[in-house]
C-alpha atoms as a PDB file:
ATOM      1  CA  MET A   1      -0.141   0.473   0.089  1.00  0.00           C
ATOM      2  CA  PRO A   2       1.384   3.221  -1.042  1.00  0.00           C
ATOM      3  CA  ILE A   3       2.324   5.822   1.613  1.00  0.00           C
ATOM      4  CA  ASP A   4      -0.270   8.572   1.945  1.00  0.00           C
ATOM      5  CA  ARG A   5       2.422  11.364   2.123  1.00  0.00           C
ATOM      6  CA  THR A   6      -0.457  14.207   2.672  1.00  0.00           C
ATOM      7  CA  ALA A   7      -1.145  13.160   6.023  1.00  0.00           C
ATOM      8  CA  VAL A   8      -0.201  15.227   9.217  1.00  0.00           C
ATOM      9  CA  PRO A   9       2.705  13.223  10.958  1.00  0.00           C
ATOM     10  CA  ALA A  10       2.638  12.822  14.827  1.00  0.00           C
ATOM     11  CA  ALA A  11       4.721  14.716  16.886  1.00  0.00           C
ATOM     12  CA  ARG A  12       8.159  13.001  17.253  1.00  0.00           C
ATOM     13  CA  ARG A  13       9.313  12.361  20.762  1.00  0.00           C
ATOM     14  CA  ARG A  14      13.180  11.094  20.951  1.00  0.00           C
ATOM     15  CA  LEU A  15      15.395  10.387  23.963  1.00  0.00           C
ATOM     16  CA  CYS A  16      19.291   9.933  23.440  1.00  0.00           C
ATOM     17  CA  PHE A  17      21.096   8.244  26.679  1.00  0.00           C
ATOM     18  CA  GLU A  18      24.280   9.033  26.313  1.00  0.00           C
ATOM     19  CA  ALA A  19      27.426   7.764  28.817  1.00  0.00           C
ATOM     20  CA  LEU A  20      29.438  10.743  29.811  1.00  0.00           C
ATOM     21  CA  PRO A  21      33.278   9.369  30.272  1.00  0.00           C
ATOM     22  CA  GLY A  22      36.488  10.951  32.096  1.00  0.00           C
ATOM     23  CA  ILE A  23      34.337  10.646  35.862  1.00  0.00           C
ATOM     24  CA  PRO A  24      37.042   9.581  38.067  1.00  0.00           C
ATOM     25  CA  GLU A  25      37.457   7.739  41.544  1.00  0.00           C
ATOM     26  CA  VAL A  26      34.987   9.706  43.570  1.00  0.00           C
ATOM     27  CA  ARG A  27      36.557  10.704  47.071  1.00  0.00           C
ATOM     28  CA  PRO A  28      34.393  12.626  50.370  1.00  0.00           C
ATOM     29  CA  GLY A  29      34.436  15.931  50.015  1.00  0.00           C
ATOM     30  CA  ASP A  30      34.600  15.999  45.823  1.00  0.00           C
ATOM     31  CA  ALA A  31      32.447  18.379  44.356  1.00  0.00           C
ATOM     32  CA  LEU A  32      30.817  16.469  42.123  1.00  0.00           C
ATOM     33  CA  ASP A  33      29.732  19.688  39.708  1.00  0.00           C
ATOM     34  CA  GLU A  34      33.368  20.310  39.026  1.00  0.00           C
ATOM     35  CA  LEU A  35      33.852  16.696  37.814  1.00  0.00           C
ATOM     36  CA  VAL A  36      30.507  16.506  36.138  1.00  0.00           C
ATOM     37  CA  MET A  37      31.944  20.247  34.024  1.00  0.00           C
ATOM     38  CA  ARG A  38      35.507  18.728  33.472  1.00  0.00           C
ATOM     39  CA  ALA A  39      34.162  15.534  31.783  1.00  0.00           C
ATOM     40  CA  LEU A  40      32.005  17.938  29.937  1.00  0.00           C
ATOM     41  CA  ASP A  41      34.114  20.506  29.001  1.00  0.00           C
ATOM     42  CA  ALA A  42      36.621  17.202  27.538  1.00  0.00           C
ATOM     43  CA  ALA A  43      33.856  15.533  25.735  1.00  0.00           C
ATOM     44  CA  ALA A  44      33.005  19.084  23.736  1.00  0.00           C
ATOM     45  CA  ILE A  45      29.280  18.377  25.115  1.00  0.00           C
ATOM     46  CA  GLU A  46      27.126  21.518  26.629  1.00  0.00           C
ATOM     47  CA  LEU A  47      24.339  21.103  28.650  1.00  0.00           C
ATOM     48  CA  ALA A  48      20.864  21.558  26.749  1.00  0.00           C
ATOM     49  CA  PRO A  49      17.133  22.673  28.683  1.00  0.00           C
ATOM     50  CA  ASP A  50      16.054  19.430  27.646  1.00  0.00           C
ATOM     51  CA  THR A  51      18.971  17.120  29.259  1.00  0.00           C
ATOM     52  CA  ILE A  52      18.590  15.215  32.364  1.00  0.00           C
ATOM     53  CA  VAL A  53      21.877  14.358  33.794  1.00  0.00           C
ATOM     54  CA  VAL A  54      21.429  10.679  35.734  1.00  0.00           C
ATOM     55  CA  VAL A  55      23.939  10.275  38.128  1.00  0.00           C
ATOM     56  CA  ALA A  56      25.178   6.725  39.993  1.00  0.00           C
ATOM     57  CA  GLN A  57      23.987   6.641  43.777  1.00  0.00           C
ATOM     58  CA  LYS A  58      27.411   5.712  44.542  1.00  0.00           C
ATOM     59  CA  ILE A  59      29.239   8.868  43.372  1.00  0.00           C
ATOM     60  CA  VAL A  60      26.890  10.581  45.525  1.00  0.00           C
ATOM     61  CA  SER A  61      27.592   8.921  48.077  1.00  0.00           C
ATOM     62  CA  LYS A  62      31.478   8.699  48.079  1.00  0.00           C
ATOM     63  CA  ALA A  63      31.415  12.465  47.477  1.00  0.00           C
ATOM     64  CA  GLU A  64      29.083  12.992  50.667  1.00  0.00           C
ATOM     65  CA  GLY A  65      31.559  10.427  52.327  1.00  0.00           C
ATOM     66  CA  ARG A  66      28.832   7.832  53.470  1.00  0.00           C
ATOM     67  CA  PHE A  67      31.491   5.118  53.742  1.00  0.00           C
ATOM     68  CA  ALA A  68      31.255   2.548  57.171  1.00  0.00           C
ATOM     69  CA  TRP A  69      34.370   0.675  58.215  1.00  0.00           C
ATOM     70  CA  LEU A  70      33.556  -2.944  58.387  1.00  0.00           C
ATOM     71  CA  ASP A  71      36.100  -3.270  61.244  1.00  0.00           C
ATOM     72  CA  GLU A  72      34.652  -0.747  63.360  1.00  0.00           C
ATOM     73  CA  VAL A  73      31.196  -2.281  63.259  1.00  0.00           C
ATOM     74  CA  THR A  74      29.960  -4.672  66.195  1.00  0.00           C
ATOM     75  CA  PRO A  75      26.761  -6.816  65.487  1.00  0.00           C
ATOM     76  CA  SER A  76      24.349  -7.154  67.760  1.00  0.00           C
ATOM     77  CA  SER A  77      22.373 -10.393  68.680  1.00  0.00           C
ATOM     78  CA  GLN A  78      19.480  -9.874  66.010  1.00  0.00           C
ATOM     79  CA  ALA A  79      22.479  -8.918  63.819  1.00  0.00           C
ATOM     80  CA  LEU A  80      24.008 -12.202  63.967  1.00  0.00           C
ATOM     81  CA  GLU A  81      20.923 -13.958  64.027  1.00  0.00           C
ATOM     82  CA  LEU A  82      19.691 -12.268  60.876  1.00  0.00           C
ATOM     83  CA  ALA A  83      23.467 -13.502  59.354  1.00  0.00           C
ATOM     84  CA  ARG A  84      23.038 -16.989  60.455  1.00  0.00           C
ATOM     85  CA  ILE A  85      19.523 -17.321  58.658  1.00  0.00           C
ATOM     86  CA  THR A  86      20.544 -15.533  55.604  1.00  0.00           C
ATOM     87  CA  GLY A  87      24.123 -16.193  55.576  1.00  0.00           C
ATOM     88  CA  LYS A  88      25.399 -13.011  55.177  1.00  0.00           C
ATOM     89  CA  ASP A  89      27.997 -11.078  56.801  1.00  0.00           C
ATOM     90  CA  ALA A  90      26.997 -10.173  60.305  1.00  0.00           C
ATOM     91  CA  ARG A  91      28.783  -6.930  60.118  1.00  0.00           C
ATOM     92  CA  LEU A  92      26.512  -6.074  57.053  1.00  0.00           C
ATOM     93  CA  VAL A  93      23.401  -6.968  58.269  1.00  0.00           C
ATOM     94  CA  ALA A  94      24.087  -4.828  61.354  1.00  0.00           C
ATOM     95  CA  LEU A  95      24.783  -1.634  58.972  1.00  0.00           C
ATOM     96  CA  THR A  96      21.352  -2.970  57.175  1.00  0.00           C
ATOM     97  CA  LEU A  97      19.663  -3.014  60.285  1.00  0.00           C
ATOM     98  CA  ALA A  98      21.001   0.551  61.442  1.00  0.00           C
ATOM     99  CA  GLU A  99      20.108   1.983  57.707  1.00  0.00           C
ATOM    100  CA  SER A 100      16.386   0.391  57.913  1.00  0.00           C
ATOM    101  CA  THR A 101      13.150   0.892  59.746  1.00  0.00           C
ATOM    102  CA  ARG A 102      11.494  -2.428  59.407  1.00  0.00           C
ATOM    103  CA  VAL A 103      12.955  -6.494  58.345  1.00  0.00           C
ATOM    104  CA  LEU A 104      10.233  -7.515  55.610  1.00  0.00           C
ATOM    105  CA  ARG A 105      11.536 -10.726  55.106  1.00  0.00           C
ATOM    106  CA  ALA A 106      15.273 -12.895  55.712  1.00  0.00           C
ATOM    107  CA  VAL A 107      15.540 -16.123  54.172  1.00  0.00           C
ATOM    108  CA  PRO A 108      18.815 -17.963  53.135  1.00  0.00           C
ATOM    109  CA  GLY A 109      20.668 -15.338  50.663  1.00  0.00           C
ATOM    110  CA  VAL A 110      17.903 -12.739  51.104  1.00  0.00           C
ATOM    111  CA  LEU A 111      17.242  -9.654  53.577  1.00  0.00           C
ATOM    112  CA  ILE A 112      14.620  -7.251  52.416  1.00  0.00           C
ATOM    113  CA  VAL A 113      13.869  -4.397  54.574  1.00  0.00           C
ATOM    114  CA  ARG A 114      12.458  -0.796  54.512  1.00  0.00           C
ATOM    115  CA  HIS A 115      14.902   1.790  54.224  1.00  0.00           C
ATOM    116  CA  ARG A 116      14.970   4.519  56.354  1.00  0.00           C
ATOM    117  CA  LEU A 117      14.175   6.392  53.332  1.00  0.00           C
ATOM    118  CA  GLY A 118      10.933   4.528  52.557  1.00  0.00           C
ATOM    119  CA  TYR A 119      12.422   1.977  49.859  1.00  0.00           C
ATOM    120  CA  VAL A 120      11.663  -1.433  50.070  1.00  0.00           C
ATOM    121  CA  MET A 121      15.325  -2.884  49.319  1.00  0.00           C
ATOM    122  CA  ALA A 122      17.481  -5.623  49.390  1.00  0.00           C
ATOM    123  CA  ASN A 123      20.647  -4.948  52.413  1.00  0.00           C
ATOM    124  CA  ALA A 124      19.338  -1.090  52.584  1.00  0.00           C
ATOM    125  CA  GLY A 125      21.464  -0.536  49.600  1.00  0.00           C
ATOM    126  CA  ILE A 126      24.412  -1.066  51.508  1.00  0.00           C
ATOM    127  CA  ASP A 127      27.336  -2.316  48.850  1.00  0.00           C
ATOM    128  CA  LEU A 128      30.828  -3.363  48.615  1.00  0.00           C
ATOM    129  CA  SER A 129      31.253  -3.565  44.611  1.00  0.00           C
ATOM    130  CA  ASN A 130      33.529  -0.505  43.237  1.00  0.00           C
ATOM    131  CA  VAL A 131      34.051   0.532  46.772  1.00  0.00           C
ATOM    132  CA  PRO A 132      37.956   0.317  47.761  1.00  0.00           C
ATOM    133  CA  ASP A 133      39.747  -0.558  50.335  1.00  0.00           C
ATOM    134  CA  GLU A 134      41.468   2.350  52.203  1.00  0.00           C
ATOM    135  CA  GLY A 135      44.465   0.970  53.960  1.00  0.00           C
ATOM    136  CA  GLY A 136      44.080  -2.478  54.024  1.00  0.00           C
ATOM    137  CA  ARG A 137      40.685  -2.229  55.462  1.00  0.00           C
ATOM    138  CA  GLU A 138      37.255  -2.828  54.102  1.00  0.00           C
ATOM    139  CA  ARG A 139      34.556  -0.287  53.826  1.00  0.00           C
ATOM    140  CA  ALA A 140      31.049  -0.211  52.970  1.00  0.00           C
ATOM    141  CA  LEU A 141      28.800   2.274  50.961  1.00  0.00           C
ATOM    142  CA  LEU A 142      25.326   3.518  52.001  1.00  0.00           C
ATOM    143  CA  LEU A 143      22.806   5.305  50.285  1.00  0.00           C
ATOM    144  CA  PRO A 144      23.045   9.522  50.963  1.00  0.00           C
ATOM    145  CA  LEU A 145      21.287  10.557  53.465  1.00  0.00           C
ATOM    146  CA  ALA A 146      18.532  13.033  51.579  1.00  0.00           C
ATOM    147  CA  PRO A 147      18.605  12.002  47.820  1.00  0.00           C
ATOM    148  CA  ASP A 148      16.192  14.733  46.726  1.00  0.00           C
ATOM    149  CA  GLN A 149      18.742  17.212  48.517  1.00  0.00           C
ATOM    150  CA  SER A 150      21.539  15.929  46.992  1.00  0.00           C
ATOM    151  CA  ALA A 151      20.233  15.936  43.463  1.00  0.00           C
ATOM    152  CA  ALA A 152      18.407  19.527  43.882  1.00  0.00           C
ATOM    153  CA  ALA A 153      22.386  20.851  45.447  1.00  0.00           C
ATOM    154  CA  LEU A 154      23.873  19.527  42.289  1.00  0.00           C
ATOM    155  CA  ARG A 155      21.276  20.686  39.627  1.00  0.00           C
ATOM    156  CA  ALA A 156      21.440  24.106  41.749  1.00  0.00           C
ATOM    157  CA  ALA A 157      25.293  24.111  40.836  1.00  0.00           C
ATOM    158  CA  LEU A 158      25.515  23.026  37.363  1.00  0.00           C
ATOM    159  CA  ARG A 159      23.029  25.738  36.737  1.00  0.00           C
ATOM    160  CA  ALA A 160      25.565  28.563  38.455  1.00  0.00           C
ATOM    161  CA  ARG A 161      28.189  27.125  36.049  1.00  0.00           C
ATOM    162  CA  THR A 162      26.229  26.817  32.806  1.00  0.00           C
ATOM    163  CA  GLY A 163      23.252  29.348  33.433  1.00  0.00           C
ATOM    164  CA  THR A 164      21.145  26.027  31.834  1.00  0.00           C
ATOM    165  CA  SER A 165      18.491  24.653  34.380  1.00  0.00           C
ATOM    166  CA  VAL A 166      18.955  20.748  33.859  1.00  0.00           C
ATOM    167  CA  GLY A 167      16.914  17.926  35.125  1.00  0.00           C
ATOM    168  CA  VAL A 168      19.200  15.617  37.632  1.00  0.00           C
ATOM    169  CA  ILE A 169      18.382  12.235  38.940  1.00  0.00           C
ATOM    170  CA  ILE A 170      20.263   9.908  41.138  1.00  0.00           C
ATOM    171  CA  SER A 171      19.713   6.485  40.321  1.00  0.00           C
ATOM    172  CA  ASP A 172      20.637   3.003  41.575  1.00  0.00           C
ATOM    173  CA  SER A 173      19.884  -0.529  40.791  1.00  0.00           C
ATOM    174  CA  PHE A 174      16.909  -2.325  42.541  1.00  0.00           C
ATOM    175  CA  GLY A 175      15.400  -6.087  42.418  1.00  0.00           C
ATOM    176  CA  ARG A 176      11.723  -6.442  41.442  1.00  0.00           C
ATOM    177  CA  PRO A 177       8.977  -8.356  42.583  1.00  0.00           C
ATOM    178  CA  TRP A 178       8.366 -11.624  40.613  1.00  0.00           C
ATOM    179  CA  ARG A 179      10.859 -10.757  37.815  1.00  0.00           C
ATOM    180  CA  ASN A 180      14.431 -11.643  37.631  1.00  0.00           C
ATOM    181  CA  GLY A 181      17.399  -9.320  37.317  1.00  0.00           C
ATOM    182  CA  VAL A 182      17.613  -5.535  38.347  1.00  0.00           C
ATOM    183  CA  VAL A 183      16.522  -2.135  36.529  1.00  0.00           C
ATOM    184  CA  ASN A 184      17.801   1.393  37.885  1.00  0.00           C
ATOM    185  CA  VAL A 185      15.421   3.528  39.909  1.00  0.00           C
ATOM    186  CA  ALA A 186      15.335   6.763  40.652  1.00  0.00           C
ATOM    187  CA  LEU A 187      16.398   7.890  44.651  1.00  0.00           C
ATOM    188  CA  GLY A 188      16.590  11.267  44.082  1.00  0.00           C
ATOM    189  CA  SER A 189      15.344  13.808  41.455  1.00  0.00           C
ATOM    190  CA  ALA A 190      15.443  17.322  40.677  1.00  0.00           C
ATOM    191  CA  GLY A 191      14.082  19.530  38.246  1.00  0.00           C
ATOM    192  CA  ILE A 192      11.520  17.086  36.782  1.00  0.00           C
ATOM    193  CA  PRO A 193       8.530  15.575  37.332  1.00  0.00           C
ATOM    194  CA  ALA A 194       9.213  12.190  39.057  1.00  0.00           C
ATOM    195  CA  LEU A 195       5.940  11.041  39.122  1.00  0.00           C
ATOM    196  CA  ILE A 196       3.307  11.989  36.414  1.00  0.00           C
ATOM    197  CA  ASP A 197      -0.391  11.810  37.288  1.00  0.00           C
ATOM    198  CA  ARG A 198      -2.632  10.849  34.005  1.00  0.00           C
ATOM    199  CA  ARG A 199      -5.231  10.034  35.918  1.00  0.00           C
ATOM    200  CA  GLY A 200      -8.657  12.446  35.087  1.00  0.00           C
ATOM    201  CA  GLU A 201      -7.328  12.454  30.991  1.00  0.00           C
ATOM    202  CA  PRO A 202      -8.886  10.956  28.563  1.00  0.00           C
ATOM    203  CA  ASP A 203      -7.483   8.138  26.357  1.00  0.00           C
ATOM    204  CA  ARG A 204      -7.278   7.680  22.413  1.00  0.00           C
ATOM    205  CA  HIS A 205     -10.767   6.538  22.740  1.00  0.00           C
ATOM    206  CA  GLY A 206     -12.423   9.163  25.088  1.00  0.00           C
ATOM    207  CA  ARG A 207     -12.452   6.838  27.910  1.00  0.00           C
ATOM    208  CA  THR A 208     -11.308   8.624  31.141  1.00  0.00           C
ATOM    209  CA  LEU A 209      -7.532   7.213  32.627  1.00  0.00           C
ATOM    210  CA  GLN A 210      -8.402   6.020  36.296  1.00  0.00           C
ATOM    211  CA  ILE A 211      -5.118   4.503  37.402  1.00  0.00           C
ATOM    212  CA  THR A 212      -2.593   5.572  34.850  1.00  0.00           C
ATOM    213  CA  GLN A 213       0.726   7.098  36.995  1.00  0.00           C
ATOM    214  CA  THR A 214       3.754   7.397  35.099  1.00  0.00           C
ATOM    215  CA  ALA A 215       7.243   6.594  37.103  1.00  0.00           C
ATOM    216  CA  PHE A 216       8.974   9.054  35.248  1.00  0.00           C
ATOM    217  CA  ALA A 217      11.931   9.230  37.002  1.00  0.00           C
ATOM    218  CA  ASP A 218      12.431   5.952  36.993  1.00  0.00           C
ATOM    219  CA  ALA A 219      11.778   5.155  33.480  1.00  0.00           C
ATOM    220  CA  ILE A 220      14.723   7.495  32.880  1.00  0.00           C
ATOM    221  CA  ALA A 221      17.049   5.726  35.367  1.00  0.00           C
ATOM    222  CA  ALA A 222      16.336   2.552  33.753  1.00  0.00           C
ATOM    223  CA  GLY A 223      16.881   3.927  30.262  1.00  0.00           C
ATOM    224  CA  ALA A 224      20.208   5.492  31.220  1.00  0.00           C
ATOM    225  CA  ALA A 225      21.277   2.389  33.550  1.00  0.00           C
ATOM    226  CA  VAL A 226      21.820   0.573  29.336  1.00  0.00           C
ATOM    227  CA  VAL A 227      24.699   3.024  29.238  1.00  0.00           C
ATOM    228  CA  MET A 228      25.823   3.336  32.250  1.00  0.00           C
ATOM    229  CA  GLY A 229      26.556  -0.128  33.042  1.00  0.00           C
ATOM    230  CA  GLU A 230      26.257  -2.165  36.296  1.00  0.00           C
ATOM    231  CA  GLY A 231      29.561  -3.529  36.503  1.00  0.00           C
ATOM    232  CA  ASP A 232      33.465  -2.342  35.907  1.00  0.00           C
ATOM    233  CA  GLU A 233      32.500   0.186  32.854  1.00  0.00           C
ATOM    234  CA  GLY A 234      33.169   3.588  35.093  1.00  0.00           C
ATOM    235  CA  MET A 235      30.459   5.575  33.513  1.00  0.00           C
ATOM    236  CA  PRO A 236      28.335   6.771  36.518  1.00  0.00           C
ATOM    237  CA  VAL A 237      27.062   9.826  34.516  1.00  0.00           C
ATOM    238  CA  VAL A 238      24.445   9.734  31.926  1.00  0.00           C
ATOM    239  CA  LEU A 239      22.932  12.621  29.851  1.00  0.00           C
ATOM    240  CA  ALA A 240      19.396  11.866  28.880  1.00  0.00           C
ATOM    241  CA  SER A 241      18.130  14.332  26.327  1.00  0.00           C
ATOM    242  CA  GLY A 242      15.519  15.304  23.993  1.00  0.00           C
ATOM    243  CA  PHE A 243      11.920  14.895  25.829  1.00  0.00           C
ATOM    244  CA  LEU A 244      10.830  16.508  28.939  1.00  0.00           C
ATOM    245  CA  PRO A 245       7.637  16.329  29.509  1.00  0.00           C
ATOM    246  CA  ALA A 246       5.093  19.207  30.550  1.00  0.00           C
ATOM    247  CA  ALA A 247       4.253  18.325  34.045  1.00  0.00           C
ATOM    248  CA  PRO A 248       4.523  19.729  37.416  1.00  0.00           C
ATOM    249  CA  GLU A 249       8.251  19.236  39.013  1.00  0.00           C
ATOM    250  CA  ILE A 250       7.694  16.821  42.044  1.00  0.00           C
ATOM    251  CA  ASP A 251      10.441  14.875  43.104  1.00  0.00           C
ATOM    252  CA  CYS A 252      11.109  11.377  44.277  1.00  0.00           C
ATOM    253  CA  LYS A 253       9.385  11.509  47.387  1.00  0.00           C
ATOM    254  CA  ALA A 254       6.337  11.233  45.336  1.00  0.00           C
ATOM    255  CA  LEU A 255       7.254   7.216  44.029  1.00  0.00           C
ATOM    256  CA  LEU A 256       6.788   6.205  47.480  1.00  0.00           C
ATOM    257  CA  ARG A 257       3.617   3.784  48.352  1.00  0.00           C
ATOM    258  CA  PRO A 258       2.267   4.846  51.275  1.00  0.00           C
ATOM    259  CA  LEU A 259       2.312   2.234  54.296  1.00  0.00           C
ATOM    260  CA  GLY A 260      -1.310   1.568  53.901  1.00  0.00           C
ATOM    261  CA  ALA A 261      -1.526   1.106  49.790  1.00  0.00           C
ATOM    262  CA  ASP A 262       2.203  -1.266  50.479  1.00  0.00           C
ATOM    263  CA  LEU A 263       0.955  -5.121  48.988  1.00  0.00           C
ATOM    264  CA  PHE A 264       4.119  -5.990  50.631  1.00  0.00           C
ATOM    265  CA  GLN A 265       4.433  -5.469  53.725  1.00  0.00           C
END
């Protein structure tokens, strides 16, 4: 069938994900905006208003000094019991409990908790991967204290340096109920609608949308992870560009279900 070239084309929507090279190993006290700007200059890239800067949680936590020395952790009796059940290092279990408000599941190889920030996640997001030892001492890396605030601070610093207001997402990898594998989600955001509420809008056939809410920040974080990588790629910053939705700015706290609506308690 020939193409009808007289038809009005639908509006084109396109996203581009580009990993930013040149980010060094981040240390406590490093200014992430300075590291990002150096990498942008070296790659001859300029930020645009439709850019969302996706930053791996690890480098935010490292810059904020969110380390814990394992040889300084003394496990409690509860941590020792959960370590026995799960087969995990009792020191890591102790750190997990300190970062959590409730243990939701403890079986061999699995410790699911409700993080103090409201996330339901494995091991309170505490990690040893891509965390170098210091002087032969092992360190664990904890989540940022306030990811939305960290995202807002980085956004403000980049705007001060460039005059351009970009979006910022702090992302981390999460497991998912009933599905294998991890995807990246947004822990914190600034300058974007983390959640887009479409309820009350019509669908293509005039029916009113009843439950549709889009986790926009999570979707961008997941896409960025494809070029960011999960191993030794060393690409903790990704530029997502090309499409910003016309929706009110709202941070990632909107993505957390109220306890009364949590299906996995």
